[in-house]
């Protein structure tokens, strides 16, 4: 105690060191928190990308189905036109 009374700069050095350690720990903690947030966001982005890919696949399948239905309708219309021609030609 006498040393601290005679040399108060020792106490200041001790507090300065403690503050330096606290600052370093705080910075480290903030970095870890930000890394955790980045990882969470990356996981969310990855999940959203999977959902988008799935939706794109579904849209592609629906588009293919519509194309097939359009072809069926065109074939049916051609057949109707052919039958109408036959009926009209025979009358």
PDB file of N, CA and C in Angstrom:
ATOM      1  N   UNK A   1       0.833  -1.180   0.000  1.00  0.00           N
ATOM      2  CA  UNK A   1       0.000   0.000   0.000  1.00  0.00           C
ATOM      3  C   UNK A   1       0.880   1.247   0.000  1.00  0.00           C
ATOM      4  N   UNK A   2       1.949   1.189   0.758  1.00  0.00           N
ATOM      5  CA  UNK A   2       2.862   2.331   0.790  1.00  0.00           C
ATOM      6  C   UNK A   2       3.450   2.611  -0.585  1.00  0.00           C
ATOM      7  N   UNK A   3       3.726   1.513  -1.334  1.00  0.00           N
ATOM      8  CA  UNK A   3       4.267   1.713  -2.681  1.00  0.00           C
ATOM      9  C   UNK A   3       3.284   2.494  -3.554  1.00  0.00           C
ATOM     10  N   UNK A   4       1.996   2.177  -3.442  1.00  0.00           N
ATOM     11  CA  UNK A   4       0.989   2.868  -4.251  1.00  0.00           C
ATOM     12  C   UNK A   4       0.848   4.328  -3.835  1.00  0.00           C
ATOM     13  N   UNK A   5       1.007   4.577  -2.550  1.00  0.00           N
ATOM     14  CA  UNK A   5       0.919   5.966  -2.084  1.00  0.00           C
ATOM     15  C   UNK A   5       2.126   6.763  -2.553  1.00  0.00           C
ATOM     16  N   UNK A   6       3.282   6.130  -2.540  1.00  0.00           N
ATOM     17  CA  UNK A   6       4.505   6.826  -2.963  1.00  0.00           C
ATOM     18  C   UNK A   6       4.629   6.897  -4.492  1.00  0.00           C
ATOM     19  N   UNK A   7       4.095   5.867  -5.174  1.00  0.00           N
ATOM     20  CA  UNK A   7       4.181   5.832  -6.648  1.00  0.00           C
ATOM     21  C   UNK A   7       2.789   5.589  -7.226  1.00  0.00           C
ATOM     22  N   UNK A   8       1.958   6.628  -7.303  1.00  0.00           N
ATOM     23  CA  UNK A   8       0.585   6.445  -7.805  1.00  0.00           C
ATOM     24  C   UNK A   8       0.551   6.039  -9.282  1.00  0.00           C
ATOM     25  N   UNK A   9       1.634   6.281 -10.022  1.00  0.00           N
ATOM     26  CA  UNK A   9       1.628   5.886 -11.434  1.00  0.00           C
ATOM     27  C   UNK A   9       1.518   4.367 -11.586  1.00  0.00           C
ATOM     28  N   UNK A  10       1.927   3.607 -10.574  1.00  0.00           N
ATOM     29  CA  UNK A  10       1.780   2.141 -10.594  1.00  0.00           C
ATOM     30  C   UNK A  10       0.313   1.744 -10.632  1.00  0.00           C
ATOM     31  N   UNK A  11      -0.499   2.462  -9.853  1.00  0.00           N
ATOM     32  CA  UNK A  11      -1.945   2.203  -9.848  1.00  0.00           C
ATOM     33  C   UNK A  11      -2.532   2.563 -11.212  1.00  0.00           C
ATOM     34  N   UNK A  12      -2.092   3.691 -11.753  1.00  0.00           N
ATOM     35  CA  UNK A  12      -2.577   4.111 -13.072  1.00  0.00           C
ATOM     36  C   UNK A  12      -2.184   3.094 -14.137  1.00  0.00           C
ATOM     37  N   UNK A  13      -0.958   2.590 -14.052  1.00  0.00           N
ATOM     38  CA  UNK A  13      -0.522   1.576 -15.009  1.00  0.00           C
ATOM     39  C   UNK A  13      -1.366   0.308 -14.893  1.00  0.00           C
ATOM     40  N   UNK A  14      -1.689  -0.059 -13.654  1.00  0.00           N
ATOM     41  CA  UNK A  14      -2.503  -1.242 -13.428  1.00  0.00           C
ATOM     42  C   UNK A  14      -3.891  -1.043 -14.049  1.00  0.00           C
ATOM     43  N   UNK A  15      -4.502   0.120 -13.847  1.00  0.00           N
ATOM     44  CA  UNK A  15      -5.818   0.402 -14.432  1.00  0.00           C
ATOM     45  C   UNK A  15      -5.729   0.499 -15.951  1.00  0.00           C
ATOM     46  N   UNK A  16      -4.653   1.075 -16.447  1.00  0.00           N
ATOM     47  CA  UNK A  16      -4.476   1.175 -17.897  1.00  0.00           C
ATOM     48  C   UNK A  16      -4.393  -0.211 -18.515  1.00  0.00           C
ATOM     49  N   UNK A  17      -3.672  -1.093 -17.894  1.00  0.00           N
ATOM     50  CA  UNK A  17      -3.554  -2.476 -18.385  1.00  0.00           C
ATOM     51  C   UNK A  17      -4.912  -3.178 -18.335  1.00  0.00           C
ATOM     52  N   UNK A  18      -5.642  -2.978 -17.250  1.00  0.00           N
ATOM     53  CA  UNK A  18      -6.964  -3.592 -17.123  1.00  0.00           C
ATOM     54  C   UNK A  18      -7.901  -3.068 -18.213  1.00  0.00           C
ATOM     55  N   UNK A  19      -7.874  -1.776 -18.468  1.00  0.00           N
ATOM     56  CA  UNK A  19      -8.705  -1.195 -19.523  1.00  0.00           C
ATOM     57  C   UNK A  19      -8.300  -1.706 -20.895  1.00  0.00           C
ATOM     58  N   UNK A  20      -7.014  -1.864 -21.120  1.00  0.00           N
ATOM     59  CA  UNK A  20      -6.530  -2.384 -22.396  1.00  0.00           C
ATOM     60  C   UNK A  20      -7.046  -3.806 -22.614  1.00  0.00           C
ATOM     61  N   UNK A  21      -6.987  -4.608 -21.579  1.00  0.00           N
ATOM     62  CA  UNK A  21      -7.492  -5.984 -21.677  1.00  0.00           C
ATOM     63  C   UNK A  21      -9.000  -5.986 -21.931  1.00  0.00           C
ATOM     64  N   UNK A  22      -9.728  -5.133 -21.223  1.00  0.00           N
ATOM     65  CA  UNK A  22     -11.179  -5.037 -21.438  1.00  0.00           C
ATOM     66  C   UNK A  22     -11.501  -4.610 -22.861  1.00  0.00           C
ATOM     67  N   UNK A  23     -10.760  -3.629 -23.358  1.00  0.00           N
ATOM     68  CA  UNK A  23     -10.979  -3.171 -24.744  1.00  0.00           C
ATOM     69  C   UNK A  23     -10.730  -4.301 -25.732  1.00  0.00           C
ATOM     70  N   UNK A  24      -9.644  -5.037 -25.539  1.00  0.00           N
ATOM     71  CA  UNK A  24      -9.316  -6.142 -26.436  1.00  0.00           C
ATOM     72  C   UNK A  24     -10.409  -7.205 -26.380  1.00  0.00           C
ATOM     73  N   UNK A  25     -10.879  -7.524 -25.182  1.00  0.00           N
ATOM     74  CA  UNK A  25     -11.942  -8.519 -25.035  1.00  0.00           C
ATOM     75  C   UNK A  25     -13.251  -8.041 -25.668  1.00  0.00           C
ATOM     76  N   UNK A  26     -13.530  -6.757 -25.516  1.00  0.00           N
ATOM     77  CA  UNK A  26     -14.747  -6.198 -26.109  1.00  0.00           C
ATOM     78  C   UNK A  26     -14.682  -6.290 -27.632  1.00  0.00           C
ATOM     79  N   UNK A  27     -13.545  -5.924 -28.195  1.00  0.00           N
ATOM     80  CA  UNK A  27     -13.384  -6.007 -29.648  1.00  0.00           C
ATOM     81  C   UNK A  27     -13.533  -7.445 -30.106  1.00  0.00           C
ATOM     82  N   UNK A  28     -12.910  -8.371 -29.404  1.00  0.00           N
ATOM     83  CA  UNK A  28     -13.006  -9.793 -29.753  1.00  0.00           C
ATOM     84  C   UNK A  28     -14.456 -10.269 -29.691  1.00  0.00           C
ATOM     85  N   UNK A  29     -15.177  -9.853 -28.657  1.00  0.00           N
ATOM     86  CA  UNK A  29     -16.576 -10.219 -28.507  1.00  0.00           C
ATOM     87  C   UNK A  29     -17.413  -9.671 -29.665  1.00  0.00           C
ATOM     88  N   UNK A  30     -17.169  -8.414 -30.035  1.00  0.00           N
ATOM     89  CA  UNK A  30     -17.908  -7.800 -31.138  1.00  0.00           C
ATOM     90  C   UNK A  30     -17.629  -8.534 -32.446  1.00  0.00           C
ATOM     91  N   UNK A  31     -16.392  -8.910 -32.663  1.00  0.00           N
ATOM     92  CA  UNK A  31     -16.041  -9.653 -33.876  1.00  0.00           C
ATOM     93  C   UNK A  31     -16.776 -10.993 -33.908  1.00  0.00           C
ATOM     94  N   UNK A  32     -16.784 -11.695 -32.776  1.00  0.00           N
ATOM     95  CA  UNK A  32     -17.471 -12.980 -32.708  1.00  0.00           C
ATOM     96  C   UNK A  32     -18.967 -12.823 -32.952  1.00  0.00           C
ATOM     97  N   UNK A  33     -19.554 -11.779 -32.404  1.00  0.00           N
ATOM     98  CA  UNK A  33     -20.982 -11.515 -32.624  1.00  0.00           C
ATOM     99  C   UNK A  33     -21.272 -11.254 -34.097  1.00  0.00           C
ATOM    100  N   UNK A  34     -20.430 -10.462 -34.729  1.00  0.00           N
ATOM    101  CA  UNK A  34     -20.624 -10.169 -36.147  1.00  0.00           C
ATOM    102  C   UNK A  34     -20.448 -11.423 -36.996  1.00  0.00           C
ATOM    103  N   UNK A  35     -19.493 -12.259 -36.644  1.00  0.00           N
ATOM    104  CA  UNK A  35     -19.304 -13.511 -37.371  1.00  0.00           C
ATOM    105  C   UNK A  35     -20.524 -14.413 -37.223  1.00  0.00           C
ATOM    106  N   UNK A  36     -21.091 -14.461 -36.028  1.00  0.00           N
ATOM    107  CA  UNK A  36     -22.311 -15.240 -35.813  1.00  0.00           C
ATOM    108  C   UNK A  36     -23.450 -14.712 -36.688  1.00  0.00           C
ATOM    109  N   UNK A  37     -23.599 -13.397 -36.748  1.00  0.00           N
ATOM    110  CA  UNK A  37     -24.646 -12.799 -37.580  1.00  0.00           C
ATOM    111  C   UNK A  37     -24.416 -13.121 -39.051  1.00  0.00           C
ATOM    112  N   UNK A  38     -23.184 -13.048 -39.487  1.00  0.00           N
ATOM    113  CA  UNK A  38     -22.861 -13.354 -40.883  1.00  0.00           C
ATOM    114  C   UNK A  38     -23.193 -14.810 -41.197  1.00  0.00           C
ATOM    115  N   UNK A  39     -22.870 -15.712 -40.285  1.00  0.00           N
ATOM    116  CA  UNK A  39     -23.172 -17.130 -40.499  1.00  0.00           C
ATOM    117  C   UNK A  39     -24.682 -17.351 -40.564  1.00  0.00           C
ATOM    118  N   UNK A  40     -25.431 -16.715 -39.680  1.00  0.00           N
ATOM    119  CA  UNK A  40     -26.891 -16.846 -39.698  1.00  0.00           C
ATOM    120  C   UNK A  40     -27.459 -16.321 -41.012  1.00  0.00           C
ATOM    121  N   UNK A  41     -26.966 -15.172 -41.456  1.00  0.00           N
ATOM    122  CA  UNK A  41     -27.437 -14.599 -42.710  1.00  0.00           C
ATOM    123  C   UNK A  41     -27.074 -15.498 -43.887  1.00  0.00           C
ATOM    124  N   UNK A  42     -25.893 -16.078 -43.857  1.00  0.00           N
ATOM    125  CA  UNK A  42     -25.476 -16.988 -44.930  1.00  0.00           C
ATOM    126  C   UNK A  42     -26.391 -18.205 -44.980  1.00  0.00           C
ATOM    127  N   UNK A  43     -26.736 -18.731 -43.825  1.00  0.00           N
ATOM    128  CA  UNK A  43     -27.642 -19.879 -43.777  1.00  0.00           C
ATOM    129  C   UNK A  43     -29.017 -19.515 -44.313  1.00  0.00           C
ATOM    130  N   UNK A  44     -29.508 -18.321 -43.937  1.00  0.00           N
ATOM    131  CA  UNK A  44     -30.809 -17.873 -44.455  1.00  0.00           C
ATOM    132  C   UNK A  44     -30.768 -17.691 -45.959  1.00  0.00           C
ATOM    133  N   UNK A  45     -29.688 -17.099 -46.449  1.00  0.00           N
ATOM    134  CA  UNK A  45     -29.549 -16.887 -47.894  1.00  0.00           C
ATOM    135  C   UNK A  45     -29.511 -18.234 -48.618  1.00  0.00           C
ATOM    136  N   UNK A  46     -28.791 -19.183 -48.059  1.00  0.00           N
ATOM    137  CA  UNK A  46     -28.704 -20.514 -48.666  1.00  0.00           C
ATOM    138  C   UNK A  46     -30.073 -21.183 -48.714  1.00  0.00           C
ATOM    139  N   UNK A  47     -30.832 -21.077 -47.634  1.00  0.00           N
ATOM    140  CA  UNK A  47     -32.171 -21.648 -47.588  1.00  0.00           C
ATOM    141  C   UNK A  47     -33.090 -20.959 -48.607  1.00  0.00           C
ATOM    142  N   UNK A  48     -32.999 -19.642 -48.691  1.00  0.00           N
ATOM    143  CA  UNK A  48     -33.817 -18.907 -49.658  1.00  0.00           C
ATOM    144  C   UNK A  48     -33.433 -19.278 -51.089  1.00  0.00           C
ATOM    145  N   UNK A  49     -32.146 -19.514 -51.329  1.00  0.00           N
ATOM    146  CA  UNK A  49     -31.702 -19.916 -52.663  1.00  0.00           C
ATOM    147  C   UNK A  49     -32.273 -21.289 -53.019  1.00  0.00           C
ATOM    148  N   UNK A  50     -32.308 -22.191 -52.040  1.00  0.00           N
ATOM    149  CA  UNK A  50     -32.902 -23.506 -52.279  1.00  0.00           C
ATOM    150  C   UNK A  50     -34.385 -23.380 -52.614  1.00  0.00           C
ATOM    151  N   UNK A  51     -35.085 -22.492 -51.887  1.00  0.00           N
ATOM    152  CA  UNK A  51     -36.507 -22.276 -52.156  1.00  0.00           C
ATOM    153  C   UNK A  51     -36.705 -21.710 -53.561  1.00  0.00           C
ATOM    154  N   UNK A  52     -35.860 -20.758 -53.939  1.00  0.00           N
ATOM    155  CA  UNK A  52     -35.959 -20.181 -55.276  1.00  0.00           C
ATOM    156  C   UNK A  52     -35.713 -21.232 -56.350  1.00  0.00           C
ATOM    157  N   UNK A  53     -34.706 -22.073 -56.140  1.00  0.00           N
ATOM    158  CA  UNK A  53     -34.413 -23.131 -57.099  1.00  0.00           C
ATOM    159  C   UNK A  53     -35.600 -24.077 -57.237  1.00  0.00           C
ATOM    160  N   UNK A  54     -36.214 -24.407 -56.113  1.00  0.00           N
ATOM    161  CA  UNK A  54     -37.383 -25.284 -56.126  1.00  0.00           C
ATOM    162  C   UNK A  54     -38.546 -24.632 -56.881  1.00  0.00           C
ATOM    163  N   UNK A  55     -38.765 -23.353 -56.629  1.00  0.00           N
ATOM    164  CA  UNK A  55     -39.836 -22.631 -57.323  1.00  0.00           C
ATOM    165  C   UNK A  55     -39.559 -22.533 -58.816  1.00  0.00           C
ATOM    166  N   UNK A  56     -38.306 -22.325 -59.181  1.00  0.00           N
ATOM    167  CA  UNK A  56     -37.949 -22.277 -60.605  1.00  0.00           C
ATOM    168  C   UNK A  56     -38.235 -23.617 -61.265  1.00  0.00           C
ATOM    169  N   UNK A  57     -37.918 -24.697 -60.581  1.00  0.00           N
ATOM    170  CA  UNK A  57     -38.175 -26.036 -61.112  1.00  0.00           C
ATOM    171  C   UNK A  57     -39.674 -26.259 -61.287  1.00  0.00           C
ATOM    172  N   UNK A  58     -40.461 -25.843 -60.296  1.00  0.00           N
ATOM    173  CA  UNK A  58     -41.914 -25.982 -60.397  1.00  0.00           C
ATOM    174  C   UNK A  58     -42.457 -25.174 -61.570  1.00  0.00           C
ATOM    175  N   UNK A  59     -41.965 -23.952 -61.730  1.00  0.00           N
ATOM    176  CA  UNK A  59     -42.405 -23.115 -62.855  1.00  0.00           C
ATOM    177  C   UNK A  59     -42.031 -23.752 -64.185  1.00  0.00           C
ATOM    178  N   UNK A  60     -40.867 -24.325 -64.250  1.00  0.00           N
ATOM    179  CA  UNK A  60     -40.418 -24.980 -65.474  1.00  0.00           C
ATOM    180  C   UNK A  60     -41.336 -26.153 -65.810  1.00  0.00           C
ATOM    181  N   UNK A  61     -41.693 -26.933 -64.796  1.00  0.00           N
ATOM    182  CA  UNK A  61     -42.597 -28.066 -65.015  1.00  0.00           C
ATOM    183  C   UNK A  61     -43.973 -27.586 -65.470  1.00  0.00           C
ATOM    184  N   UNK A  62     -44.475 -26.533 -64.846  1.00  0.00           N
ATOM    185  CA  UNK A  62     -45.790 -25.996 -65.233  1.00  0.00           C
ATOM    186  C   UNK A  62     -45.751 -25.444 -66.661  1.00  0.00           C
ATOM    187  N   UNK A  63     -44.651 -24.805 -67.012  1.00  0.00           N
ATOM    188  CA  UNK A  63     -44.495 -24.279 -68.365  1.00  0.00           C
ATOM    189  C   UNK A  63     -44.505 -25.422 -69.375  1.00  0.00           C
ATOM    190  N   UNK A  64     -43.838 -26.510 -69.034  1.00  0.00           N
ATOM    191  CA  UNK A  64     -43.819 -27.673 -69.924  1.00  0.00           C
ATOM    192  C   UNK A  64     -45.216 -28.266 -70.064  1.00  0.00           C
ATOM    193  N   UNK A  65     -45.954 -28.335 -68.950  1.00  0.00           N
ATOM    194  CA  UNK A  65     -47.324 -28.839 -69.002  1.00  0.00           C
ATOM    195  C   UNK A  65     -48.206 -27.956 -69.880  1.00  0.00           C
ATOM    196  N   UNK A  66     -48.051 -26.637 -69.742  1.00  0.00           N
ATOM    197  CA  UNK A  66     -48.837 -25.707 -70.567  1.00  0.00           C
ATOM    198  C   UNK A  66     -48.495 -25.873 -72.046  1.00  0.00           C
ATOM    199  N   UNK A  67     -47.237 -26.058 -72.336  1.00  0.00           N
ATOM    200  CA  UNK A  67     -46.821 -26.254 -73.727  1.00  0.00           C
ATOM    201  C   UNK A  67     -47.465 -27.522 -74.288  1.00  0.00           C
ATOM    202  N   UNK A  68     -47.484 -28.589 -73.501  1.00  0.00           N
ATOM    203  CA  UNK A  68     -48.110 -29.835 -73.941  1.00  0.00           C
ATOM    204  C   UNK A  68     -49.607 -29.648 -74.156  1.00  0.00           C
ATOM    205  N   UNK A  69     -50.252 -28.924 -73.257  1.00  0.00           N
ATOM    206  CA  UNK A  69     -51.694 -28.675 -73.414  1.00  0.00           C
ATOM    207  C   UNK A  69     -51.970 -27.826 -74.649  1.00  0.00           C
ATOM    208  N   UNK A  70     -51.125 -26.834 -74.897  1.00  0.00           N
ATOM    209  CA  UNK A  70     -51.274 -26.016 -76.106  1.00  0.00           C
ATOM    210  C   UNK A  70     -51.170 -26.885 -77.355  1.00  0.00           C
ATOM    211  N   UNK A  71     -50.219 -27.812 -77.361  1.00  0.00           N
ATOM    212  CA  UNK A  71     -50.057 -28.711 -78.506  1.00  0.00           C
ATOM    213  C   UNK A  71     -51.283 -29.598 -78.672  1.00  0.00           C
ATOM    214  N   UNK A  72     -51.833 -30.089 -77.560  1.00  0.00           N
ATOM    215  CA  UNK A  72     -53.042 -30.912 -77.627  1.00  0.00           C
ATOM    216  C   UNK A  72     -54.211 -30.114 -78.198  1.00  0.00           C
ATOM    217  N   UNK A  73     -54.356 -28.883 -77.744  1.00  0.00           N
ATOM    218  CA  UNK A  73     -55.450 -28.030 -78.231  1.00  0.00           C
ATOM    219  C   UNK A  73     -55.285 -27.768 -79.723  1.00  0.00           C
ATOM    220  N   UNK A  74     -54.059 -27.476 -80.153  1.00  0.00           N
ATOM    221  CA  UNK A  74     -53.813 -27.247 -81.578  1.00  0.00           C
ATOM    222  C   UNK A  74     -54.149 -28.491 -82.387  1.00  0.00           C
ATOM    223  N   UNK A  75     -53.779 -29.663 -81.898  1.00  0.00           N
ATOM    224  CA  UNK A  75     -54.105 -30.914 -82.601  1.00  0.00           C
ATOM    225  C   UNK A  75     -55.616 -31.117 -82.665  1.00  0.00           C
ATOM    226  N   UNK A  76     -56.289 -30.839 -81.563  1.00  0.00           N
ATOM    227  CA  UNK A  76     -57.743 -30.983 -81.544  1.00  0.00           C
ATOM    228  C   UNK A  76     -58.400 -30.003 -82.512  1.00  0.00           C
ATOM    229  N   UNK A  77     -57.914 -28.759 -82.558  1.00  0.00           N
ATOM    230  CA  UNK A  77     -58.478 -27.778 -83.489  1.00  0.00           C
ATOM    231  C   UNK A  77     -58.253 -28.200 -84.936  1.00  0.00           C
ATOM    232  N   UNK A  78     -57.086 -28.750 -85.218  1.00  0.00           N
ATOM    233  CA  UNK A  78     -56.826 -29.248 -86.585  1.00  0.00           C
ATOM    234  C   UNK A  78     -57.777 -30.400 -86.939  1.00  0.00           C
ATOM    235  N   UNK A  79     -57.987 -31.271 -85.965  1.00  0.00           N
ATOM    236  CA  UNK A  79     -58.893 -32.398 -86.192  1.00  0.00           C
ATOM    237  C   UNK A  79     -60.319 -31.894 -86.403  1.00  0.00           C
ATOM    238  N   UNK A  80     -60.736 -30.921 -85.611  1.00  0.00           N
ATOM    239  CA  UNK A  80     -62.075 -30.337 -85.782  1.00  0.00           C
ATOM    240  C   UNK A  80     -62.202 -29.702 -87.168  1.00  0.00           C
ATOM    241  N   UNK A  81     -61.176 -28.966 -87.571  1.00  0.00           N
ATOM    242  CA  UNK A  81     -61.206 -28.333 -88.891  1.00  0.00           C
ATOM    243  C   UNK A  81     -61.273 -29.386 -89.992  1.00  0.00           C
ATOM    244  N   UNK A  82     -60.541 -30.479 -89.832  1.00  0.00           N
ATOM    245  CA  UNK A  82     -60.551 -31.560 -90.838  1.00  0.00           C
ATOM    246  C   UNK A  82     -61.940 -32.191 -90.911  1.00  0.00           C
ATOM    247  N   UNK A  83     -62.544 -32.441 -89.718  1.00  0.00           N
ATOM    248  CA  UNK A  83     -63.874 -33.048 -89.692  1.00  0.00           C
ATOM    249  C   UNK A  83     -64.922 -32.104 -90.273  1.00  0.00           C
ATOM    250  N   UNK A  84     -64.797 -30.796 -89.978  1.00  0.00           N
ATOM    251  CA  UNK A  84     -65.731 -29.822 -90.531  1.00  0.00           C
ATOM    252  C   UNK A  84     -65.626 -29.789 -92.062  1.00  0.00           C
ATOM    253  N   UNK A  85     -64.414 -29.916 -92.547  1.00  0.00           N
ATOM    254  CA  UNK A  85     -64.193 -29.935 -93.996  1.00  0.00           C
ATOM    255  C   UNK A  85     -64.871 -31.142 -94.628  1.00  0.00           C
ATOM    256  N   UNK A  86     -64.711 -32.297 -93.950  1.00  0.00           N
ATOM    257  CA  UNK A  86     -65.355 -33.504 -94.451  1.00  0.00           C
ATOM    258  C   UNK A  86     -66.865 -33.380 -94.439  1.00  0.00           C
ATOM    259  N   UNK A  87     -67.392 -32.813 -93.337  1.00  0.00           N
ATOM    260  CA  UNK A  87     -68.842 -32.644 -93.236  1.00  0.00           C
ATOM    261  C   UNK A  87     -69.350 -31.622 -94.245  1.00  0.00           C
ATOM    262  N   UNK A  88     -68.597 -30.576 -94.419  1.00  0.00           N
ATOM    263  CA  UNK A  88     -69.000 -29.525 -95.341  1.00  0.00           C
ATOM    264  C   UNK A  88     -68.888 -29.978 -96.786  1.00  0.00           C
ATOM    265  N   UNK A  89     -67.892 -30.781 -97.058  1.00  0.00           N
ATOM    266  CA  UNK A  89     -67.668 -31.267 -98.412  1.00  0.00           C
ATOM    267  C   UNK A  89     -68.706 -32.299 -98.828  1.00  0.00           C
ATOM    268  N   UNK A  90     -69.239 -33.029 -97.856  1.00  0.00           N
ATOM    269  CA  UNK A  90     -70.208 -34.081 -98.150  1.00  0.00           C
ATOM    270  C   UNK A  90     -71.623 -33.539 -98.273  1.00  0.00           C
ATOM    271  N   UNK A  91     -71.866 -32.310 -97.831  1.00  0.00           N
ATOM    272  CA  UNK A  91     -73.239 -31.782 -97.806  1.00  0.00           C
ATOM    273  C   UNK A  91     -73.640 -31.133 -99.070  1.00  0.00           C
TER     274      UNK A  91
END
